[in-house]
């Protein structure tokens, strides 16, 4: 396989525009991207070996999930040392080498910042456990007395993101807060030590050449200091999207501006009115458009989400950041393959397998890719979506590692199915991922979805992504033009300057506008776009 099709100079970046405003960013889930040393786990050496592939896609940047020292209770999002590379992934010299190699081929490197919590193995938390209640060491976290007789009940009724309570009791009777797993104690952002530490961590990695950070749990940093119980529906959640967290972000922004770097928010909030707060000129540069990712395959709903994002972002001088998948979400090929009223996450465990229509899911995922890449703003791709990979919904229970599986008492299967290592070759023990297998098993049918099987094959999903990103760079980057075109039925049509984008959500073929067809997600015969198809045209 050779990957040398795209020039390395400013791909997708218009002169005078910050690179990130219209960038295509590729998310690298490190453990599952490529294994350079043959131990079954992805690593930095693996990424470096696959930079030609990333270059061939035409993306502008990569975002790498956490590579810091971690006991890996939550896939690296339990950080024990923010300034060191976990040995299973490589060394600091390799990390710096990757950043330098990527820049040489025109790729920026974004890292993950995990500021909401540390690992329970972090030196700070170890110190807190042996310190007295009320001590400075405990003030870096949320330690509270319990309720009820002898403080035997948790301080609040808050439920954990992975299931179970958000509180764990320590030997002296106090409880500590963890919105996620008990090995992920939440930091207390009212502590000056916490604020100073993270500003220093940000500088540490920017000095090493990082282009910015995707910020984990961006909406969850600040907790209500009164620690109220969660009340009736409609009452604000006391640990999410509190206004005080924006003061923290403004301080970060001052730091990253010194380096011309960026901040990207993973902010799960209720509406664009709230999300816009994160995108004010002195806060985050980008925030993921999760409503778009979670939308059903429905033209009217999708149009409303796109309108809200375009209007909401323009109101604060920003642009939307589109995404269809990531390491926490059921892959879109599988989501779109299920009936609209089926909860894909719940379906993973015991759902009716006869409901799944893989062909339908792939058709819709390919059309959704052209929709996303045709919109104004930036787009984030999750590794493997360019291959049309589905969720691996039938992983054996004994290989599951996501803490959701344990903390939900085996009622939620978790996120392992979207984290299965990539298939690079059509054969071999791990389809080219590494020499001797992979940390999660890959389905046999992934042979036909491998990079080797799709590379250079006209009509393959890999070539669809390559072609679309190239056309996007040629025709769409540098213009903010956008306008809906009236269309009947379950069809969305919009103009982007020289290009018209058509997406058919309906059951019947629809006629395409007159013009030169640049790309389609499905063959369009006799000027008709089939159901669940998308096309880009240059109007005549």
Protein backbone atom coordinates (compact mmCIF):
# COMPACT_ATOMS: atom_id res chain seq x y z
CA UNK A 1 0.00 0.00 0.00
CA UNK A 2 1.29 3.48 -0.85
CA UNK A 3 -0.23 6.72 0.36
CA UNK A 4 1.16 9.77 -1.42
CA UNK A 5 -1.68 11.53 -3.14
CA UNK A 6 -2.14 14.81 -1.33
CA UNK A 7 0.36 17.70 -1.29
CA UNK A 8 1.58 18.49 2.20
CA UNK A 9 1.18 22.27 1.98
CA UNK A 10 -1.83 23.78 3.76
CA UNK A 11 -4.30 21.11 2.76
CA UNK A 12 -7.78 22.44 3.44
CA UNK A 13 -6.57 25.74 4.86
CA UNK A 14 -7.40 29.00 3.12
CA UNK A 15 -4.91 31.88 3.27
CA UNK A 16 -5.77 34.30 6.06
CA UNK A 17 -7.97 31.82 7.93
CA UNK A 18 -6.87 30.06 11.14
CA UNK A 19 -6.23 26.43 10.20
CA UNK A 20 -8.72 25.05 12.68
CA UNK A 21 -11.82 26.99 11.60
CA UNK A 22 -12.44 24.76 8.57
CA UNK A 23 -10.16 21.84 9.37
CA UNK A 24 -10.76 18.12 9.09
CA UNK A 25 -9.35 16.48 12.22
CA UNK A 26 -8.78 12.74 12.60
CA UNK A 27 -9.23 11.23 16.06
CA UNK A 28 -6.60 8.63 16.96
CA UNK A 29 -7.70 6.27 19.71
CA UNK A 30 -4.15 5.36 20.60
CA UNK A 31 -4.65 1.83 21.92
CA UNK A 32 -6.44 0.76 18.75
CA UNK A 33 -4.85 2.68 15.88
CA UNK A 34 -1.58 0.85 15.11
CA UNK A 35 0.79 -1.34 17.11
CA UNK A 36 4.43 -0.53 16.45
CA UNK A 37 6.11 -2.91 18.90
CA UNK A 38 3.94 -6.00 18.48
CA UNK A 39 2.53 -6.26 22.00
CA UNK A 40 -1.10 -6.06 20.89
CA UNK A 41 -1.64 -2.46 22.01
CA UNK A 42 -1.47 0.62 19.81
CA UNK A 43 1.39 3.00 20.50
CA UNK A 44 3.22 6.11 19.37
CA UNK A 45 5.51 4.11 17.08
CA UNK A 46 2.39 2.80 15.37
CA UNK A 47 1.05 6.30 14.73
CA UNK A 48 4.39 7.41 13.30
CA UNK A 49 4.41 4.44 10.93
CA UNK A 50 0.96 5.38 9.63
CA UNK A 51 1.49 9.11 9.07
CA UNK A 52 1.61 8.53 5.28
CA UNK A 53 -1.89 7.05 5.51
CA UNK A 54 -3.19 10.05 7.47
CA UNK A 55 -1.54 12.35 4.97
CA UNK A 56 -3.25 10.48 2.12
CA UNK A 57 -6.66 11.14 3.67
CA UNK A 58 -6.05 14.88 3.37
CA UNK A 59 -6.82 15.68 7.01
CA UNK A 60 -5.32 18.76 8.63
CA UNK A 61 -4.70 17.47 12.14
CA UNK A 62 -4.89 14.50 14.46
CA UNK A 63 -6.29 14.41 17.98
CA UNK A 64 -4.68 11.74 20.16
CA UNK A 65 -6.55 10.26 23.11
CA UNK A 66 -4.63 10.27 26.44
CA UNK A 67 -1.08 8.91 26.30
CA UNK A 68 -0.17 9.84 29.87
CA UNK A 69 0.88 7.48 32.66
CA UNK A 70 -2.27 5.69 33.79
CA UNK A 71 -3.42 2.41 35.39
CA UNK A 72 -5.86 2.30 32.44
CA UNK A 73 -9.00 1.72 34.47
CA UNK A 74 -10.81 3.96 32.00
CA UNK A 75 -8.76 3.75 28.84
CA UNK A 76 -6.24 6.38 29.96
CA UNK A 77 -8.79 8.92 31.18
CA UNK A 78 -7.56 8.13 34.70
CA UNK A 79 -4.28 10.07 34.63
CA UNK A 80 -1.58 9.39 37.21
CA UNK A 81 1.04 11.72 35.69
CA UNK A 82 0.12 14.47 33.23
CA UNK A 83 3.74 15.11 32.21
CA UNK A 84 4.88 11.59 31.33
CA UNK A 85 4.09 9.08 28.59
CA UNK A 86 2.76 5.72 29.69
CA UNK A 87 5.47 3.12 28.90
CA UNK A 88 3.00 0.93 26.99
CA UNK A 89 2.64 3.75 24.47
CA UNK A 90 6.30 4.75 24.19
CA UNK A 91 8.64 7.43 25.51
CA UNK A 92 8.70 11.20 25.72
CA UNK A 93 11.30 11.28 22.94
CA UNK A 94 8.93 9.28 20.74
CA UNK A 95 6.05 11.63 21.55
CA UNK A 96 8.09 14.70 20.61
CA UNK A 97 9.29 12.89 17.50
CA UNK A 98 5.70 12.17 16.48
CA UNK A 99 4.71 15.82 16.85
CA UNK A 100 7.71 16.86 14.75
CA UNK A 101 7.10 14.16 12.11
CA UNK A 102 3.45 15.14 11.84
CA UNK A 103 4.27 18.79 11.35
CA UNK A 104 6.71 17.91 8.59
CA UNK A 105 3.88 16.32 6.59
CA UNK A 106 1.45 19.15 7.33
CA UNK A 107 -0.45 17.70 10.30
CA UNK A 108 -1.13 19.50 13.56
CA UNK A 109 -1.29 17.42 16.75
CA UNK A 110 -3.98 17.96 19.38
CA UNK A 111 -3.75 16.22 22.75
CA UNK A 112 -6.34 15.28 25.33
CA UNK A 113 -6.54 17.39 28.49
CA UNK A 114 -8.29 15.59 31.38
CA UNK A 115 -8.94 18.29 34.00
CA UNK A 116 -12.08 17.02 35.72
CA UNK A 117 -10.42 14.18 37.59
CA UNK A 118 -7.16 12.34 38.17
CA UNK A 119 -6.42 8.68 38.70
CA UNK A 120 -6.62 7.39 42.26
CA UNK A 121 -2.96 6.51 41.65
CA UNK A 122 -2.02 10.17 41.20
CA UNK A 123 0.41 11.38 43.92
CA UNK A 124 -2.04 14.07 44.96
CA UNK A 125 -4.79 11.57 45.73
CA UNK A 126 -2.43 9.23 47.53
CA UNK A 127 -1.42 12.16 49.69
CA UNK A 128 -5.06 13.06 50.29
CA UNK A 129 -5.85 9.58 51.55
CA UNK A 130 -3.22 9.77 54.28
CA UNK A 131 -4.02 13.38 55.20
CA UNK A 132 -6.55 14.59 57.71
CA UNK A 133 -10.03 15.85 56.89
CA UNK A 134 -9.88 19.57 56.12
CA UNK A 135 -6.25 19.41 55.00
CA UNK A 136 -4.84 21.21 51.96
CA UNK A 137 -4.21 17.84 50.31
CA UNK A 138 -7.88 16.92 50.55
CA UNK A 139 -8.94 20.38 49.38
CA UNK A 140 -7.61 19.52 45.91
CA UNK A 141 -10.48 17.02 45.65
CA UNK A 142 -14.07 16.87 46.88
CA UNK A 143 -14.01 15.19 50.30
CA UNK A 144 -17.21 15.45 52.34
CA UNK A 145 -18.73 13.97 55.48
CA UNK A 146 -21.50 11.48 54.91
CA UNK A 147 -25.14 11.70 55.91
CA UNK A 148 -27.19 9.66 58.31
CA UNK A 149 -26.03 7.71 61.37
CA UNK A 150 -22.24 8.00 61.69
CA UNK A 151 -22.07 9.48 58.19
CA UNK A 152 -22.80 6.09 56.66
CA UNK A 153 -24.70 7.41 53.65
CA UNK A 154 -23.22 9.32 50.67
CA UNK A 155 -23.21 13.14 50.88
CA UNK A 156 -25.57 13.49 47.88
CA UNK A 157 -27.83 11.40 45.68
CA UNK A 158 -25.78 12.04 42.54
CA UNK A 159 -25.59 9.08 40.15
CA UNK A 160 -22.35 8.18 38.38
CA UNK A 161 -21.87 8.45 34.62
CA UNK A 162 -20.85 4.79 34.51
CA UNK A 163 -23.52 3.68 36.96
CA UNK A 164 -23.63 3.49 40.75
CA UNK A 165 -23.01 6.28 43.24
CA UNK A 166 -20.61 9.17 42.70
CA UNK A 167 -19.20 8.82 46.22
CA UNK A 168 -16.77 6.36 47.79
CA UNK A 169 -15.99 6.23 51.51
CA UNK A 170 -12.42 6.20 52.83
CA UNK A 171 -11.06 4.68 56.03
CA UNK A 172 -11.58 7.74 58.25
CA UNK A 173 -15.25 7.99 57.28
CA UNK A 174 -15.17 10.84 54.77
CA UNK A 175 -16.40 10.37 51.21
CA UNK A 176 -14.77 11.53 47.98
CA UNK A 177 -16.54 12.49 44.75
CA UNK A 178 -16.07 10.73 41.42
CA UNK A 179 -18.52 11.45 38.62
CA UNK A 180 -17.07 8.46 36.78
CA UNK A 181 -15.29 5.39 38.15
CA UNK A 182 -14.19 5.26 41.79
CA UNK A 183 -10.59 5.25 40.50
CA UNK A 184 -11.21 8.73 39.01
CA UNK A 185 -11.61 11.20 41.91
CA UNK A 186 -12.87 14.61 40.81
CA UNK A 187 -10.60 17.60 41.25
CA UNK A 188 -11.84 20.64 43.16
CA UNK A 189 -11.49 23.63 40.85
CA UNK A 190 -11.89 26.09 43.71
CA UNK A 191 -8.39 25.04 44.79
CA UNK A 192 -5.62 27.42 43.65
CA UNK A 193 -3.26 24.44 43.48
CA UNK A 194 -5.48 22.71 40.91
CA UNK A 195 -5.69 25.86 38.80
CA UNK A 196 -1.92 26.43 38.86
CA UNK A 197 -1.14 22.78 38.11
CA UNK A 198 -3.23 22.62 34.96
CA UNK A 199 -1.94 25.89 33.58
CA UNK A 200 1.53 24.44 34.00
CA UNK A 201 0.53 21.18 32.30
CA UNK A 202 -0.89 23.12 29.36
CA UNK A 203 2.37 25.04 28.97
CA UNK A 204 4.41 21.83 29.30
CA UNK A 205 2.81 20.24 26.23
CA UNK A 206 2.58 23.42 24.17
CA UNK A 207 6.32 23.85 24.67
CA UNK A 208 6.74 20.39 23.19
CA UNK A 209 4.87 21.40 20.04
CA UNK A 210 1.25 20.42 20.62
CA UNK A 211 -1.20 22.55 18.65
CA UNK A 212 -3.83 22.49 21.36
CA UNK A 213 -6.13 20.32 23.44
CA UNK A 214 -9.45 18.58 23.32
CA UNK A 215 -10.76 19.14 26.86
CA UNK A 216 -12.47 16.15 28.45
CA UNK A 217 -15.71 16.73 30.43
CA UNK A 218 -15.48 20.46 29.71
CA UNK A 219 -18.94 21.04 31.17
CA UNK A 220 -18.23 19.26 34.46
CA UNK A 221 -15.33 21.01 36.13
CA UNK A 222 -17.21 23.13 38.67
CA UNK A 223 -19.60 21.67 41.24
CA UNK A 224 -22.16 23.55 43.29
CA UNK A 225 -20.32 24.27 46.59
CA UNK A 226 -23.51 23.56 48.53
CA UNK A 227 -23.59 19.98 47.15
CA UNK A 228 -27.37 19.84 46.82
CA UNK A 229 -29.21 16.69 45.88
CA UNK A 230 -30.47 16.40 42.33
CA UNK A 231 -34.05 17.53 42.49
CA UNK A 232 -37.02 17.53 40.20
CA UNK A 233 -36.79 17.57 36.44
CA UNK A 234 -35.86 21.00 35.13
CA UNK A 235 -33.71 21.90 38.14
CA UNK A 236 -30.07 22.54 37.07
CA UNK A 237 -27.71 19.62 37.62
CA UNK A 238 -25.34 20.73 40.39
CA UNK A 239 -22.21 19.31 38.72
CA UNK A 240 -22.64 20.29 35.07
CA UNK A 241 -22.47 23.47 33.00
CA UNK A 242 -22.17 25.88 35.92
CA UNK A 243 -21.31 29.45 34.97
CA UNK A 244 -18.24 29.64 37.22
CA UNK A 245 -16.32 27.20 35.02
CA UNK A 246 -15.96 29.87 32.32
CA UNK A 247 -13.55 31.82 34.51
CA UNK A 248 -11.23 28.80 34.40
CA UNK A 249 -11.45 28.59 30.62
CA UNK A 250 -10.64 32.27 30.18
CA UNK A 251 -7.40 31.76 32.08
CA UNK A 252 -6.52 28.77 29.88
CA UNK A 253 -7.27 30.80 26.78
CA UNK A 254 -4.70 33.41 27.79
CA UNK A 255 -2.09 30.66 27.98
CA UNK A 256 -2.89 28.95 24.67
CA UNK A 257 -3.07 32.30 22.87
CA UNK A 258 0.60 32.82 23.70
CA UNK A 259 1.34 29.74 21.59
CA UNK A 260 -1.35 30.29 18.90
CA UNK A 261 -2.84 26.97 20.02
CA UNK A 262 -6.48 25.95 20.37
CA UNK A 263 -8.95 24.53 22.88
CA UNK A 264 -11.76 22.16 21.88
CA UNK A 265 -14.61 21.53 24.33
CA UNK A 266 -16.29 18.22 24.98
CA UNK A 267 -19.31 19.98 26.45
CA UNK A 268 -22.56 18.06 26.88
CA UNK A 269 -25.11 20.81 27.44
CA UNK A 270 -28.82 21.25 26.95
CA UNK A 271 -28.98 23.72 24.07
CA UNK A 272 -27.02 25.92 21.70
CA UNK A 273 -27.79 28.85 24.00
CA UNK A 274 -25.61 27.12 26.58
CA UNK A 275 -23.01 25.77 24.14
CA UNK A 276 -22.46 29.25 22.70
CA UNK A 277 -21.14 30.34 26.10
CA UNK A 278 -18.16 28.03 25.61
CA UNK A 279 -17.37 29.62 22.24
CA UNK A 280 -17.15 33.25 23.24
CA UNK A 281 -14.05 34.95 21.82
CA UNK A 282 -12.03 34.57 25.02
CA UNK A 283 -12.95 30.92 25.70
CA UNK A 284 -12.88 27.74 23.58
CA UNK A 285 -12.09 27.87 19.89
CA UNK A 286 -14.33 24.89 19.14
CA UNK A 287 -17.02 22.77 20.77
CA UNK A 288 -18.34 19.51 19.37
CA UNK A 289 -21.83 19.56 17.86
CA UNK A 290 -23.15 16.48 19.62
CA UNK A 291 -26.78 17.03 18.62
CA UNK A 292 -25.72 16.42 15.02
CA UNK A 293 -23.97 13.20 16.02
CA UNK A 294 -26.98 11.90 17.92
CA UNK A 295 -29.66 12.94 15.44
CA UNK A 296 -31.90 10.29 13.91
CA UNK A 297 -31.87 9.83 10.13
CA UNK A 298 -34.55 12.44 9.55
CA UNK A 299 -34.36 15.44 7.22
CA UNK A 300 -36.48 17.82 9.28
CA UNK A 301 -34.69 17.09 12.55
CA UNK A 302 -31.28 17.31 10.91
CA UNK A 303 -32.14 20.64 9.29
CA UNK A 304 -33.20 22.07 12.63
CA UNK A 305 -29.96 20.96 14.26
CA UNK A 306 -27.85 22.43 11.46
CA UNK A 307 -29.73 25.74 11.63
CA UNK A 308 -29.30 25.94 15.40
CA UNK A 309 -25.57 25.28 15.12
CA UNK A 310 -24.99 27.80 12.33
CA UNK A 311 -27.01 30.52 14.04
CA UNK A 312 -25.67 29.80 17.53
CA UNK A 313 -22.01 29.72 16.51
CA UNK A 314 -22.19 32.79 14.29
CA UNK A 315 -23.69 34.74 17.18
CA UNK A 316 -20.38 34.44 19.07
CA UNK A 317 -18.12 34.72 16.04
CA UNK A 318 -17.38 31.00 15.89
CA UNK A 319 -18.21 28.12 13.53
CA UNK A 320 -19.70 24.67 14.16
CA UNK A 321 -17.53 21.65 14.85
CA UNK A 322 -19.30 18.65 13.31
CA UNK A 323 -18.78 15.06 14.42
CA UNK A 324 -20.53 11.76 13.65
CA UNK A 325 -18.70 9.44 16.02
CA UNK A 326 -16.00 9.13 18.67
CA UNK A 327 -14.55 6.69 21.19
CA UNK A 328 -17.60 6.99 23.48
CA UNK A 329 -20.40 6.48 20.94
CA UNK A 330 -21.83 3.49 19.06
CA UNK A 331 -20.37 3.74 15.55
CA UNK A 332 -22.65 5.43 13.04
CA UNK A 333 -22.78 2.47 10.65
CA UNK A 334 -24.53 0.53 13.41
CA UNK A 335 -26.64 3.42 14.73
CA UNK A 336 -28.03 4.09 11.27
CA UNK A 337 -28.63 0.37 10.71
CA UNK A 338 -31.18 0.19 13.52
CA UNK A 339 -34.78 1.45 13.56
CA UNK A 340 -35.05 5.08 14.60
CA UNK A 341 -36.74 4.29 17.91
CA UNK A 342 -34.10 1.80 19.10
CA UNK A 343 -31.56 2.95 21.69
CA UNK A 344 -28.32 1.72 20.14
CA UNK A 345 -26.43 1.61 23.45
CA UNK A 346 -29.11 -0.50 25.11
CA UNK A 347 -29.38 -2.71 22.02
CA UNK A 348 -25.71 -3.72 22.31
CA UNK A 349 -26.35 -6.05 25.24
CA UNK A 350 -29.57 -7.92 24.52
CA UNK A 351 -31.20 -6.18 21.57
CA UNK A 352 -32.96 -8.05 18.79
CA UNK A 353 -30.20 -8.71 16.24
CA UNK A 354 -32.75 -9.15 13.47
CA UNK A 355 -33.41 -5.40 13.64
CA UNK A 356 -29.94 -4.65 12.29
CA UNK A 357 -29.65 -3.80 8.57
CA UNK A 358 -25.89 -3.43 7.91
CA UNK A 359 -26.33 -2.38 4.29
CA UNK A 360 -28.73 0.38 5.26
CA UNK A 361 -26.39 1.54 8.00
CA UNK A 362 -23.43 1.83 5.63
CA UNK A 363 -25.46 3.69 2.99
CA UNK A 364 -26.65 6.22 5.52
CA UNK A 365 -23.20 6.60 7.09
CA UNK A 366 -21.66 7.34 3.68
CA UNK A 367 -24.36 9.92 2.96
CA UNK A 368 -23.92 11.46 6.41
CA UNK A 369 -20.18 11.83 5.73
CA UNK A 370 -20.89 13.91 2.61
CA UNK A 371 -23.43 15.95 4.56
CA UNK A 372 -20.96 16.67 7.36
CA UNK A 373 -18.01 17.43 5.09
CA UNK A 374 -20.19 19.73 3.01
CA UNK A 375 -21.21 21.97 5.92
CA UNK A 376 -19.44 25.19 7.00
CA UNK A 377 -17.06 24.81 9.92
CA UNK A 378 -14.72 22.01 10.92
CA UNK A 379 -15.25 18.25 11.00
CA UNK A 380 -13.80 15.56 13.27
CA UNK A 381 -13.49 11.98 12.04
CA UNK A 382 -13.16 9.00 14.36
CA UNK A 383 -10.62 6.42 13.26
CA UNK A 384 -12.22 3.67 11.21
CA UNK A 385 -15.26 5.60 10.08
CA UNK A 386 -13.43 6.20 6.80
CA UNK A 387 -13.42 2.40 6.41
CA UNK A 388 -17.13 2.05 7.18
CA UNK A 389 -16.44 0.02 10.33
CA UNK A 390 -19.51 -1.02 12.32
CA UNK A 391 -19.74 -1.40 16.09
CA UNK A 392 -18.48 -4.80 17.26
CA UNK A 393 -21.61 -5.59 19.23
CA UNK A 394 -20.81 -9.23 19.99
CA UNK A 395 -17.55 -8.93 21.92
CA UNK A 396 -17.34 -11.72 24.51
CA UNK A 397 -18.10 -10.56 28.03
CA UNK A 398 -14.71 -11.72 29.28
CA UNK A 399 -12.79 -9.22 27.10
CA UNK A 400 -14.81 -6.14 28.07
CA UNK A 401 -12.73 -3.45 29.82
CA UNK A 402 -15.00 -0.40 29.92
CA UNK A 403 -15.84 0.44 33.56
CA UNK A 404 -19.44 0.95 32.45
CA UNK A 405 -19.80 -2.82 32.23
CA UNK A 406 -18.84 -3.37 35.87
CA UNK A 407 -20.39 -0.29 37.45
CA UNK A 408 -23.73 -0.89 35.73
CA UNK A 409 -23.69 -4.43 37.15
CA UNK A 410 -23.57 -5.86 33.65
CA UNK A 411 -26.68 -4.06 32.45
CA UNK A 412 -24.81 -1.77 30.01
CA UNK A 413 -22.21 -3.21 27.69
CA UNK A 414 -20.16 -0.04 27.44
CA UNK A 415 -17.89 1.40 24.78
CA UNK A 416 -15.44 -1.38 23.92
CA UNK A 417 -17.27 -2.16 20.68
CA UNK A 418 -16.27 1.13 19.07
CA UNK A 419 -12.65 0.76 20.24
CA UNK A 420 -11.69 -2.47 18.48
CA UNK A 421 -8.30 -2.09 16.74
CA UNK A 422 -8.24 -1.04 13.09
CA UNK A 423 -7.80 -3.57 10.26
CA UNK A 424 -4.91 -2.47 8.06
CA UNK A 425 -4.39 -5.68 6.07
CA UNK A 426 -6.83 -8.18 4.61
CA UNK A 427 -5.20 -11.10 6.43
CA UNK A 428 -3.05 -11.94 9.43
CA UNK A 429 -3.63 -12.47 13.14
CA UNK A 430 -4.68 -8.84 13.67
CA UNK A 431 -5.30 -7.66 10.10
CA UNK A 432 -2.05 -5.72 10.13
CA UNK A 433 -2.71 -3.90 13.40
CA UNK A 434 0.37 -5.53 14.94
CA UNK A 435 2.46 -8.67 14.78
CA UNK A 436 0.82 -10.86 17.39
CA UNK A 437 -2.86 -10.12 17.80
CA UNK A 438 -4.72 -7.19 19.34
CA UNK A 439 -5.99 -6.23 22.77
CA UNK A 440 -9.60 -6.63 21.59
CA UNK A 441 -10.59 -9.27 18.99
CA UNK A 442 -11.49 -8.13 15.48
CA UNK A 443 -14.35 -9.70 13.54
CA UNK A 444 -13.35 -11.95 10.63
CA UNK A 445 -15.51 -9.91 8.25
CA UNK A 446 -13.26 -6.90 8.80
CA UNK A 447 -10.89 -8.39 6.24
CA UNK A 448 -13.02 -6.87 3.48
CA UNK A 449 -13.15 -3.51 5.33
CA UNK A 450 -9.40 -3.24 5.83
CA UNK A 451 -7.31 -0.42 4.42
CA UNK A 452 -5.63 -2.92 2.09
CA UNK A 453 -8.95 -4.16 0.75
CA UNK A 454 -10.28 -0.63 0.09
CA UNK A 455 -7.17 1.28 -0.95
CA UNK A 456 -7.51 2.45 -4.55
CA UNK A 457 -10.84 0.67 -5.03
CA UNK A 458 -13.32 2.96 -6.78
CA UNK A 459 -16.48 3.32 -4.72
CA UNK A 460 -14.99 2.04 -1.47
CA UNK A 461 -15.74 4.01 1.67
CA UNK A 462 -12.06 4.84 2.11
CA UNK A 463 -11.87 6.35 -1.37
CA UNK A 464 -15.16 8.19 -0.77
CA UNK A 465 -13.62 9.95 2.25
CA UNK A 466 -10.39 10.73 0.43
CA UNK A 467 -12.22 12.17 -2.55
CA UNK A 468 -14.66 14.17 -0.43
CA UNK A 469 -11.92 15.70 1.72
CA UNK A 470 -9.98 16.63 -1.41
CA UNK A 471 -13.02 18.24 -3.02
CA UNK A 472 -13.81 20.02 0.23
CA UNK A 473 -10.33 21.51 0.26
CA UNK A 474 -10.66 22.58 -3.36
CA UNK A 475 -14.15 24.06 -3.37
CA UNK A 476 -15.41 24.69 0.17
CA UNK A 477 -12.52 25.86 2.31
CA UNK A 478 -12.25 29.61 2.30
CA UNK A 479 -15.93 30.30 1.86
CA UNK A 480 -18.53 30.79 4.58
CA UNK A 481 -21.37 30.84 2.08
CA UNK A 482 -24.38 28.72 2.98
CA UNK A 483 -27.98 28.78 1.89
CA UNK A 484 -30.83 26.29 1.94
CA UNK A 485 -32.45 25.40 -1.37
CA UNK A 486 -36.15 24.61 -1.32
CA UNK A 487 -36.80 20.89 -1.77
CA UNK A 488 -39.83 18.67 -1.46
CA UNK A 489 -40.09 15.62 0.76
CA UNK A 490 -37.35 14.08 2.85
CA UNK A 491 -34.53 15.88 1.07
CA UNK A 492 -32.02 18.49 2.22
CA UNK A 493 -30.37 20.73 -0.35
CA UNK A 494 -27.99 23.59 0.34
CA UNK A 495 -25.57 25.74 -1.62
CA UNK A 496 -21.96 26.30 -0.58
CA UNK A 497 -20.84 28.80 -3.19
CA UNK A 498 -19.65 26.70 -6.12
CA UNK A 499 -21.10 23.47 -4.72
CA UNK A 500 -24.64 22.24 -4.10
CA UNK A 501 -25.09 19.45 -1.56
CA UNK A 502 -28.09 17.12 -1.82
CA UNK A 503 -29.00 14.48 0.78
CA UNK A 504 -31.95 12.14 0.24
CA UNK A 505 -33.39 10.94 3.55
CA UNK A 506 -36.51 9.55 1.90
CA UNK A 507 -37.49 6.15 0.56
CA UNK A 508 -37.67 7.08 -3.14
CA UNK A 509 -35.07 8.37 -5.62
CA UNK A 510 -35.08 12.12 -6.26
CA UNK A 511 -33.89 14.07 -9.32
CA UNK A 512 -30.60 15.91 -8.90
CA UNK A 513 -30.25 19.56 -9.90
CA UNK A 514 -28.61 20.24 -13.24
CA UNK A 515 -24.85 20.43 -13.02
CA UNK A 516 -21.59 18.54 -12.87
CA UNK A 517 -21.68 15.73 -10.34
CA UNK A 518 -18.52 15.93 -8.24
CA UNK A 519 -19.16 13.00 -5.90
CA UNK A 520 -21.98 10.77 -4.73
CA UNK A 521 -22.21 8.39 -1.81
CA UNK A 522 -24.13 5.93 -3.98
CA UNK A 523 -24.33 5.67 -7.78
CA UNK A 524 -26.83 8.16 -9.23
CA UNK A 525 -28.16 6.73 -12.48
CA UNK A 526 -30.12 8.84 -14.97
CA UNK A 527 -29.78 11.90 -12.75
CA UNK A 528 -31.65 10.27 -9.86
CA UNK A 529 -30.22 10.16 -6.34
CA UNK A 530 -31.34 6.94 -4.62
CA UNK A 531 -32.73 6.68 -1.11
CA UNK A 532 -30.17 7.29 1.66
CA UNK A 533 -27.75 8.88 -0.76
CA UNK A 534 -25.89 12.19 -0.98
CA UNK A 535 -24.27 14.13 -3.79
CA UNK A 536 -22.17 17.22 -4.41
CA UNK A 537 -22.64 19.11 -7.67
CA UNK A 538 -21.35 22.19 -9.41
CA UNK A 539 -24.47 23.86 -10.81
CA UNK A 540 -24.47 24.53 -14.54
